[in-house]
Protein backbone atom coordinates (compact mmCIF):
# COMPACT_ATOMS: atom_id res chain seq x y z
CA MET A 1 23.69 -1.41 24.84
CA GLY A 2 21.68 1.81 23.26
CA GLY A 3 19.15 -0.45 21.27
CA VAL A 4 21.65 -2.22 19.03
CA GLN A 5 22.05 -6.06 19.73
CA SER A 6 24.29 -8.62 18.55
CA GLN A 7 24.89 -9.78 14.87
CA LEU A 8 22.70 -12.35 14.00
CA SER A 9 23.59 -15.01 11.13
CA ILE A 10 21.23 -16.00 8.38
CA PHE A 11 21.89 -19.38 9.19
CA ASN A 12 20.45 -18.94 12.62
CA ILE A 13 17.58 -17.09 11.24
CA PHE A 14 16.74 -19.78 9.01
CA ARG A 15 17.33 -22.67 11.43
CA ARG A 16 20.87 -23.21 9.44
CA LYS A 17 18.75 -24.40 6.16
CA LYS A 18 21.56 -23.87 3.40
CA ALA A 19 19.92 -22.63 0.09
CA THR A 20 20.15 -25.82 -2.35
CA ALA A 21 21.53 -26.14 -5.63
CA PRO A 22 19.75 -23.52 -8.16
CA VAL A 23 17.28 -24.53 -10.82
CA ARG A 24 17.88 -22.71 -13.87
CA GLN A 25 15.16 -22.43 -16.32
CA SER A 26 15.74 -21.12 -19.85
CA VAL A 27 13.19 -17.95 -20.32
CA ASN A 28 13.14 -15.60 -23.33
CA PHE A 29 11.26 -12.89 -21.87
CA ASP A 30 9.42 -10.26 -24.48
CA GLN A 31 12.22 -7.93 -25.42
CA LYS A 32 9.51 -4.86 -25.22
CA LEU A 33 8.99 -5.72 -21.64
CA LEU A 34 12.73 -5.56 -20.67
CA ASP A 35 14.09 -2.11 -20.03
CA ARG A 36 17.13 -1.51 -22.06
CA ASP A 37 19.10 0.81 -19.38
CA ALA A 38 18.80 -1.88 -17.12
CA VAL A 39 20.21 -4.36 -19.70
CA LYS A 40 23.18 -1.79 -20.31
CA VAL A 41 23.78 -1.60 -16.59
CA VAL A 42 23.79 -5.59 -16.03
CA GLN A 43 26.09 -5.73 -19.40
CA THR A 44 28.38 -2.98 -17.97
CA ILE A 45 29.04 -4.72 -14.42
CA VAL A 46 29.51 -7.87 -16.35
CA LYS A 47 31.99 -6.52 -18.58
CA ALA A 48 34.18 -5.47 -15.32
CA GLY A 49 34.52 -8.70 -14.10
CA PHE A 50 31.55 -9.18 -12.02
CA GLU A 51 28.43 -11.05 -11.69
CA ALA A 52 25.16 -9.06 -12.17
CA TYR A 53 21.57 -10.17 -12.51
CA LEU A 54 17.93 -8.50 -12.73
CA VAL A 55 16.60 -9.45 -9.71
CA GLY A 56 13.10 -9.51 -7.51
CA GLY A 57 9.81 -8.19 -8.43
CA CYS A 58 11.23 -7.45 -12.01
CA VAL A 59 12.05 -11.32 -12.48
CA ARG A 60 8.45 -12.24 -11.23
CA ASP A 61 6.53 -9.61 -13.38
CA LEU A 62 8.35 -10.69 -16.45
CA LEU A 63 7.41 -14.43 -15.66
CA LEU A 64 3.65 -13.40 -15.39
CA GLY A 65 3.44 -11.38 -18.68
CA HIS A 66 3.54 -8.03 -16.86
CA ARG A 67 5.52 -4.90 -17.87
CA PRO A 68 7.69 -4.07 -14.39
CA LYS A 69 7.60 -1.01 -12.82
CA ASP A 70 11.24 -1.15 -11.25
CA PHE A 71 14.15 -2.97 -12.60
CA ASP A 72 16.61 -3.81 -9.54
CA ILE A 73 19.94 -5.43 -10.17
CA ALA A 74 22.16 -7.80 -7.88
CA THR A 75 25.95 -8.25 -8.25
CA ASN A 76 28.98 -9.50 -6.27
CA ALA A 77 30.66 -6.03 -7.03
CA LYS A 78 31.05 -3.70 -3.84
CA PRO A 79 28.93 -0.56 -3.93
CA GLU A 80 32.10 1.51 -4.36
CA GLN A 81 33.36 -0.55 -7.22
CA VAL A 82 29.80 -0.21 -9.00
CA ASN A 83 29.70 3.58 -8.34
CA LYS A 84 33.28 3.96 -10.13
CA LEU A 85 31.79 2.31 -13.29
CA PHE A 86 29.08 5.07 -14.03
CA LYS A 87 29.69 8.42 -14.42
CA ARG A 88 26.23 9.14 -13.07
CA SER A 89 25.41 7.33 -10.29
CA ARG A 90 25.59 7.69 -6.38
CA LEU A 91 25.50 5.83 -3.25
CA ILE A 92 23.00 6.25 -1.04
CA GLY A 93 22.03 4.41 2.48
CA ARG A 94 23.27 3.63 5.82
CA ARG A 95 21.13 0.47 6.83
CA PHE A 96 21.51 -0.72 3.10
CA ARG A 97 24.36 0.46 1.09
CA LEU A 98 23.09 0.96 -2.59
CA VAL A 99 24.13 2.51 -5.77
CA HIS A 100 21.33 4.47 -7.81
CA VAL A 101 22.59 4.70 -11.56
CA MET A 102 20.78 7.74 -12.89
CA PHE A 103 19.45 8.26 -16.45
CA SER A 104 17.12 11.29 -15.92
CA ALA A 105 15.59 13.69 -13.18
CA ARG A 106 13.12 10.85 -12.75
CA LYS A 107 14.87 7.58 -13.48
CA TYR A 108 17.44 5.96 -11.88
CA LEU A 109 18.38 2.31 -11.40
CA GLU A 110 18.86 0.61 -8.14
CA VAL A 111 22.05 -1.74 -7.74
CA ALA A 112 22.67 -3.91 -4.60
CA THR A 113 25.57 -5.82 -3.59
CA PHE A 114 24.98 -9.69 -2.67
CA ARG A 115 24.62 -9.84 1.35
CA SER A 116 25.84 -12.36 3.31
CA GLY A 117 22.64 -12.10 5.94
CA GLN A 118 24.95 -10.99 8.90
CA VAL A 119 22.89 -8.33 10.69
CA LYS A 120 22.36 -5.87 13.56
CA THR A 121 18.88 -5.95 15.14
CA ALA A 122 17.45 -3.44 17.86
CA LYS A 123 15.73 -4.87 21.01
CA SER A 124 12.55 -4.97 19.16
CA GLY A 125 14.42 -7.41 16.36
CA VAL A 126 14.19 -4.99 13.57
CA ILE A 127 17.16 -4.93 11.36
CA VAL A 128 19.14 -1.86 11.64
CA ARG A 129 22.12 -2.60 9.75
CA ASP A 130 22.62 -5.15 6.83
CA ASN A 131 25.92 -4.06 4.77
CA CYS A 132 27.79 -7.35 5.52
CA TYR A 133 28.47 -9.09 1.69
CA GLY A 134 28.29 -12.20 0.79
CA LYS A 135 27.65 -14.84 -2.28
CA ILE A 136 24.53 -14.95 -4.10
CA GLU A 137 23.59 -18.35 -2.44
CA GLU A 138 23.54 -15.81 0.80
CA ASP A 139 21.98 -13.49 -0.66
CA VAL A 140 18.92 -15.13 -1.75
CA VAL A 141 17.92 -16.30 1.70
CA ARG A 142 17.79 -12.86 2.81
CA ARG A 143 15.08 -11.36 0.53
CA ASP A 144 11.59 -11.40 1.65
CA PHE A 145 9.27 -13.84 -0.26
CA ARG A 146 10.38 -16.84 -2.32
CA ILE A 147 8.37 -14.95 -5.38
CA ASN A 148 10.62 -11.99 -5.00
CA ALA A 149 14.15 -14.36 -4.77
CA LEU A 150 14.55 -14.90 -8.32
CA TYR A 151 17.47 -13.74 -10.33
CA TYR A 152 17.56 -13.64 -14.30
CA ASP A 153 20.88 -13.83 -16.18
CA ILE A 154 20.79 -11.67 -18.92
CA ASN A 155 23.74 -13.35 -21.00
CA THR A 156 22.30 -17.07 -20.77
CA HIS A 157 18.69 -16.06 -20.78
CA GLU A 158 18.02 -18.03 -17.53
CA VAL A 159 15.90 -17.60 -14.30
CA ILE A 160 17.82 -18.88 -11.29
CA ASP A 161 15.86 -20.13 -8.49
CA TYR A 162 17.27 -21.12 -5.35
CA ILE A 163 14.34 -21.24 -3.27
CA ASP A 164 11.13 -22.92 -5.27
CA GLY A 165 10.22 -19.06 -6.45
CA LEU A 166 9.27 -20.70 -9.50
CA GLU A 167 6.97 -22.87 -8.12
CA ASP A 168 5.20 -20.52 -6.16
CA ILE A 169 4.33 -18.40 -9.08
CA ASN A 170 3.12 -21.58 -10.97
CA THR A 171 0.86 -22.42 -8.32
CA ARG A 172 0.22 -18.62 -7.47
CA GLN A 173 1.27 -18.76 -3.82
CA ILE A 174 3.07 -16.63 -1.72
CA HIS A 175 5.58 -18.14 0.97
CA ILE A 176 8.19 -15.96 3.04
CA ILE A 177 11.70 -17.32 3.39
CA GLY A 178 12.24 -18.53 6.58
CA ASP A 179 10.37 -18.15 9.72
CA PRO A 180 7.63 -15.72 9.23
CA LEU A 181 7.33 -14.66 12.95
CA VAL A 182 11.10 -13.90 12.60
CA ARG A 183 11.17 -12.47 9.38
CA PHE A 184 8.23 -10.03 10.29
CA GLU A 185 9.89 -8.93 13.44
CA GLU A 186 13.11 -8.13 11.43
CA ASP A 187 10.91 -5.96 9.34
CA PRO A 188 7.41 -5.45 10.08
CA VAL A 189 6.80 -3.44 6.78
CA ARG A 190 6.83 -7.00 5.10
CA MET A 191 3.26 -8.01 6.72
CA ILE A 192 1.83 -5.06 4.41
CA ARG A 193 3.81 -5.99 1.50
CA ALA A 194 2.45 -9.29 1.70
CA ILE A 195 -1.02 -7.90 1.44
CA ARG A 196 -0.20 -5.80 -1.47
CA PHE A 197 1.57 -8.62 -3.40
CA GLN A 198 -1.28 -11.06 -2.59
CA THR A 199 -4.01 -8.21 -3.91
CA LYS A 200 -1.59 -7.05 -6.79
CA LEU A 201 -0.96 -10.59 -8.12
CA ASP A 202 -4.08 -12.37 -7.19
CA PHE A 203 -1.94 -14.88 -5.26
CA HIS A 204 -2.93 -16.69 -1.92
CA LEU A 205 -1.21 -16.22 1.17
CA SER A 206 0.60 -19.19 2.89
CA ASP A 207 -1.14 -20.22 6.17
CA GLU A 208 1.91 -19.26 7.91
CA ILE A 209 2.25 -15.91 6.78
CA LYS A 210 -1.46 -15.48 7.48
CA SER A 211 -0.97 -16.95 11.14
CA ALA A 212 2.16 -14.84 11.73
CA ILE A 213 0.54 -11.57 10.51
CA HIS A 214 -2.27 -12.08 13.35
CA GLN A 215 0.40 -12.33 16.03
CA GLN A 216 3.05 -9.65 14.80
CA ALA A 217 0.56 -6.92 13.73
CA PRO A 218 1.58 -4.33 16.70
CA LEU A 219 5.00 -4.64 15.38
CA LEU A 220 4.27 -2.01 12.70
CA ALA A 221 4.30 0.67 15.61
CA ASN A 222 8.17 0.18 15.68
CA ILE A 223 8.49 1.46 11.84
CA SER A 224 9.14 5.17 11.53
CA PRO A 225 6.08 7.06 10.34
CA ALA A 226 7.93 8.54 7.19
CA ARG A 227 8.46 5.09 5.92
CA LEU A 228 4.68 4.20 6.57
CA TYR A 229 3.81 6.96 4.50
CA GLU A 230 5.68 5.87 1.44
CA GLU A 231 4.27 2.30 2.23
CA CYS A 232 0.49 3.77 2.16
CA ILE A 233 1.15 5.42 -1.31
CA LYS A 234 2.27 1.81 -2.59
CA LEU A 235 -0.97 0.38 -0.94
CA PHE A 236 -3.76 2.89 -2.08
CA HIS A 237 -2.67 4.33 -5.16
CA ASN A 238 -3.15 1.57 -7.40
CA GLU A 239 -6.16 -0.19 -9.44
CA TYR A 240 -7.19 -2.21 -6.50
CA GLY A 241 -7.03 0.17 -3.24
CA PHE A 242 -10.14 -0.91 -1.99
CA GLN A 243 -9.43 -4.82 -2.02
CA VAL A 244 -5.97 -3.88 -0.23
CA TYR A 245 -8.13 -1.73 2.49
CA GLU A 246 -10.48 -4.60 3.18
CA ARG A 247 -7.60 -7.10 3.64
CA LEU A 248 -5.74 -4.71 5.86
CA GLU A 249 -8.72 -4.71 8.11
CA LYS A 250 -9.19 -8.25 7.94
CA TYR A 251 -5.66 -9.01 9.09
CA ASP A 252 -5.89 -6.46 11.80
CA LEU A 253 -3.07 -4.28 10.13
CA LEU A 254 -5.17 -1.25 8.97
CA LYS A 255 -5.60 0.24 12.92
CA HIS A 256 -1.84 0.33 12.84
CA LEU A 257 -1.65 2.54 9.94
CA PHE A 258 -5.16 4.44 10.40
CA ARG A 259 -6.23 4.71 14.16
CA GLN A 260 -8.78 6.85 13.55
CA THR A 261 -10.06 5.40 10.67
CA ARG A 262 -13.34 3.19 10.37
CA LYS A 263 -14.62 1.78 7.13
CA ASN A 264 -17.55 3.57 5.26
CA ASP A 265 -19.34 3.75 1.99
CA PHE A 266 -17.13 7.08 1.21
CA ILE A 267 -13.80 5.31 1.67
CA LYS A 268 -14.91 2.63 -0.56
CA ILE A 269 -16.24 4.87 -3.44
CA ALA A 270 -13.12 7.44 -3.13
CA LEU A 271 -10.79 4.60 -3.53
CA ASN A 272 -12.62 2.85 -6.16
CA ASN A 273 -12.79 6.36 -7.91
CA THR A 274 -8.96 6.77 -7.34
CA SER A 275 -8.28 3.21 -8.88
CA ASN A 276 -10.55 4.07 -12.11
CA ARG A 277 -8.68 7.59 -12.16
CA ILE A 278 -5.16 5.62 -12.71
CA LYS A 279 -6.71 3.00 -15.06
CA ARG A 280 -7.55 5.80 -17.17
CA HIS A 281 -4.00 7.65 -16.45
CA LYS A 282 -5.45 10.64 -14.89
CA PRO A 283 -3.64 12.25 -11.80
CA VAL A 284 -4.38 11.60 -8.58
CA THR A 285 -2.96 12.71 -5.26
CA PRO A 286 -2.45 11.12 -1.96
CA ALA A 287 -4.01 14.45 -0.08
CA PHE A 288 -7.38 13.09 -1.34
CA LEU A 289 -7.46 9.69 -0.36
CA PHE A 290 -6.02 10.74 3.30
CA ALA A 291 -8.45 13.55 3.64
CA VAL A 292 -11.38 10.77 2.82
CA PHE A 293 -9.53 8.48 5.51
CA LEU A 294 -9.95 11.22 8.43
CA TRP A 295 -12.80 13.14 7.40
CA GLN A 296 -14.93 10.79 9.88
CA ALA A 297 -12.76 11.71 12.80
CA GLN A 298 -12.54 15.08 11.67
CA ASN A 299 -16.17 15.74 11.56
CA GLU A 300 -16.97 13.74 14.70
CA ARG A 301 -14.17 15.91 16.74
CA TYR A 302 -15.63 19.13 14.80
CA GLN A 303 -19.14 18.13 16.33
CA LEU A 304 -17.97 17.91 19.80
CA ILE A 305 -15.89 21.27 19.34
CA LYS A 306 -18.92 23.25 17.92
CA LYS A 307 -20.68 22.65 21.09
CA LYS A 308 -18.35 24.92 23.24
CA GLN A 309 -16.86 27.17 20.28
CA LYS A 310 -19.55 29.44 18.35
CA SER A 311 -17.34 29.88 15.18
CA VAL A 312 -17.65 27.39 12.44
CA TYR A 313 -14.35 28.15 11.05
CA LEU A 314 -12.29 27.65 14.46
CA SER A 315 -14.04 24.55 15.24
CA MET A 316 -13.37 23.33 12.08
CA SER A 317 -9.76 24.62 12.28
CA GLN A 318 -9.38 23.20 15.61
CA ALA A 319 -10.58 19.51 14.86
CA SER A 320 -8.49 19.70 11.12
CA GLU A 321 -5.35 20.03 13.54
CA GLU A 322 -6.23 17.55 16.22
CA VAL A 323 -6.93 14.78 13.78
CA ILE A 324 -4.01 15.60 11.65
CA ILE A 325 -1.59 15.63 14.59
CA ASN A 326 -2.76 12.25 16.02
CA GLN A 327 -2.53 10.66 12.25
CA ILE A 328 1.02 11.85 11.92
CA LYS A 329 1.88 9.74 14.89
CA GLN A 330 1.54 6.58 13.09
CA VAL A 331 1.96 7.73 9.27
CA SER A 332 4.37 10.94 8.77
CA LEU A 333 2.50 13.39 6.56
CA PRO A 334 4.31 16.24 4.51
CA ARG A 335 3.26 19.79 5.13
CA TRP A 336 2.32 20.12 1.40
CA LEU A 337 -0.32 17.80 2.09
CA THR A 338 -1.66 18.49 5.46
CA ALA A 339 -2.26 21.92 4.06
CA ARG A 340 -4.26 20.87 0.82
CA ILE A 341 -6.19 18.07 3.44
CA LYS A 342 -7.10 20.98 5.81
CA ASP A 343 -8.11 23.55 2.63
CA THR A 344 -10.67 20.78 1.56
CA TRP A 345 -12.03 20.05 4.75
CA MET A 346 -12.49 23.69 5.13
CA MET A 347 -14.21 24.42 1.83
CA GLN A 348 -16.84 21.82 2.15
CA ASN A 349 -18.86 24.27 4.75
CA ARG A 350 -18.36 26.89 2.32
CA LEU A 351 -19.35 24.89 -0.57
CA GLU A 352 -22.65 23.56 1.10
CA ARG A 353 -23.94 26.73 1.80
CA MET A 354 -24.07 27.61 -1.80
CA GLN A 355 -24.05 31.68 -1.42
CA PRO A 356 -24.42 33.41 -4.93
CA LYS A 357 -21.84 36.02 -3.92
CA LYS A 358 -19.07 33.34 -3.09
CA VAL A 359 -19.61 31.34 -6.42
CA GLN A 360 -16.80 33.33 -8.52
CA ASP A 361 -14.38 33.16 -5.50
CA LEU A 362 -14.91 29.64 -5.00
CA LEU A 363 -14.69 28.91 -8.54
CA SER A 364 -11.45 30.57 -8.72
CA ASN A 365 -9.86 29.09 -5.81
CA LYS A 366 -6.96 26.39 -6.70
CA GLY A 367 -8.27 24.07 -4.13
CA PHE A 368 -11.81 24.26 -5.53
CA ARG A 369 -11.52 21.03 -7.93
CA MET A 370 -10.62 18.68 -4.95
CA ALA A 371 -12.83 20.25 -2.55
CA TYR A 372 -15.61 19.82 -5.20
CA ASP A 373 -14.83 16.12 -6.02
CA PHE A 374 -14.86 15.42 -2.36
CA LEU A 375 -18.27 16.85 -1.75
CA VAL A 376 -19.52 15.03 -4.88
CA LEU A 377 -18.38 11.47 -3.37
CA ARG A 378 -19.59 12.77 0.08
CA SER A 379 -23.28 13.06 -1.79
CA GLN A 380 -23.14 9.85 -3.50
CA SER A 381 -22.21 8.11 -0.31
CA ILE A 382 -22.56 9.07 3.32
CA ASN A 383 -24.26 12.00 2.47
CA PRO A 384 -26.88 11.69 0.16
CA GLU A 385 -28.89 15.11 1.42
CA LEU A 386 -26.09 16.94 -0.42
CA LYS A 387 -26.88 15.84 -4.17
CA SER A 388 -28.61 18.86 -4.67
CA VAL A 389 -25.59 20.67 -3.34
CA ALA A 390 -22.94 18.69 -5.79
CA GLU A 391 -25.45 19.50 -8.88
CA PHE A 392 -25.38 23.14 -7.87
CA TRP A 393 -21.94 23.18 -8.08
CA THR A 394 -21.48 20.85 -11.18
CA LYS A 395 -23.99 23.13 -12.81
CA ALA A 396 -21.71 26.31 -11.72
CA GLN A 397 -18.95 25.12 -13.55
CA SER A 398 -20.57 25.03 -16.72
CA GLU A 399 -22.31 28.24 -16.23
CA TYR A 400 -19.14 30.32 -14.77
CA HIS A 401 -15.67 30.64 -16.15
CA PRO A 402 -13.12 31.00 -12.86
CA GLU A 403 -10.40 32.52 -15.34
CA SER A 404 -12.60 35.38 -16.55
CA PHE A 405 -13.71 36.17 -13.23
CA HIS A 406 -10.17 36.39 -11.96
CA GLN A 407 -9.28 38.48 -14.87
CA ASP A 408 -12.34 40.61 -14.30
CA SER A 409 -11.52 40.79 -10.47
CA LYS A 410 -8.18 42.26 -11.41
CA LYS A 411 -9.51 45.05 -13.58
CA ASN A 412 -12.00 45.86 -10.68
CA ARG A 413 -9.33 46.29 -8.27
CA LYS A 414 -7.29 48.53 -10.94
CA LYS A 415 -10.41 50.96 -11.06
């Protein structure tokens, strides 16, 4: 059948359990936490004669007093109808048909139509299409966790709860909607989302979720490497990255993302360093963490190749290539990212040599700063013997000025 199986009814998935009459709780959220553009989008859709609500994580975060990062909107209007209401909007998606309402090059709001739960799945159980529209009562039970299945009516200032999401927020619990084994089979990414929410919100996973994760963890192999790359950014580029890492390891999920990675102090210090930079609103790059996660595997491979290959450069290059090729089978890495990872690894040997004649060139190298930070964290964790090397390059940066050296080198070439 080409991998596509029969449609499954949401009522079969959830043992024919229908959503009960909703609880409506009046809540006046802090207006400073509400996104004005999101409010305008909802009001525009409602004014056109449709239902529209804020939904999901933004409602959860507002209830917890947090500023939501994203505002999602759910409506009974079809995607094509929503698209006609806004001049700057576009239809996206095949598996999930959505509308993005654009406000700037970087800002858009996502509008989804209520879905009935009629889905198409592959042999593995993964949903491949979910474009059957329905009512809000049906839409609620196709969402993942109860804490993410709350709707907010902007006009009545009420949170609408069909599935005990308010209770879970009050008790700081995470329950999945329906049978965890089935829901994780539908979309295995829900397992790592559960870990991320547990850590981000400091909530507790239900026993059913814990048990199901242990059973269904291998299903992550069914997810495209490109999608897992995006999920990895969400997992580790935050203020709690190392706690996420430890929990992924605890629930046997980490090996399905990073088969070549084993926990060490370098990873711990790098994740905590990234979290601290994010807290201080400093820039971070995923290339750095991926380089850290894969460094041990690269170094071990390098040591083996070096026994047969005399050239340090060629040994490092071959080891780097092999480790990255193995990694992208699990989690896809963009070319720009793999290039920065390789540059950082290749520069370690050059930095360790501390050759005076090379100082100027290395300081002027655009990849120096990342390679230097990488070296410093190595010296503070798995390679304490490199502390003097790290101190050398720290001192070099205060004594040498790469820009002036770069200008001088240009003058010398002209002469």
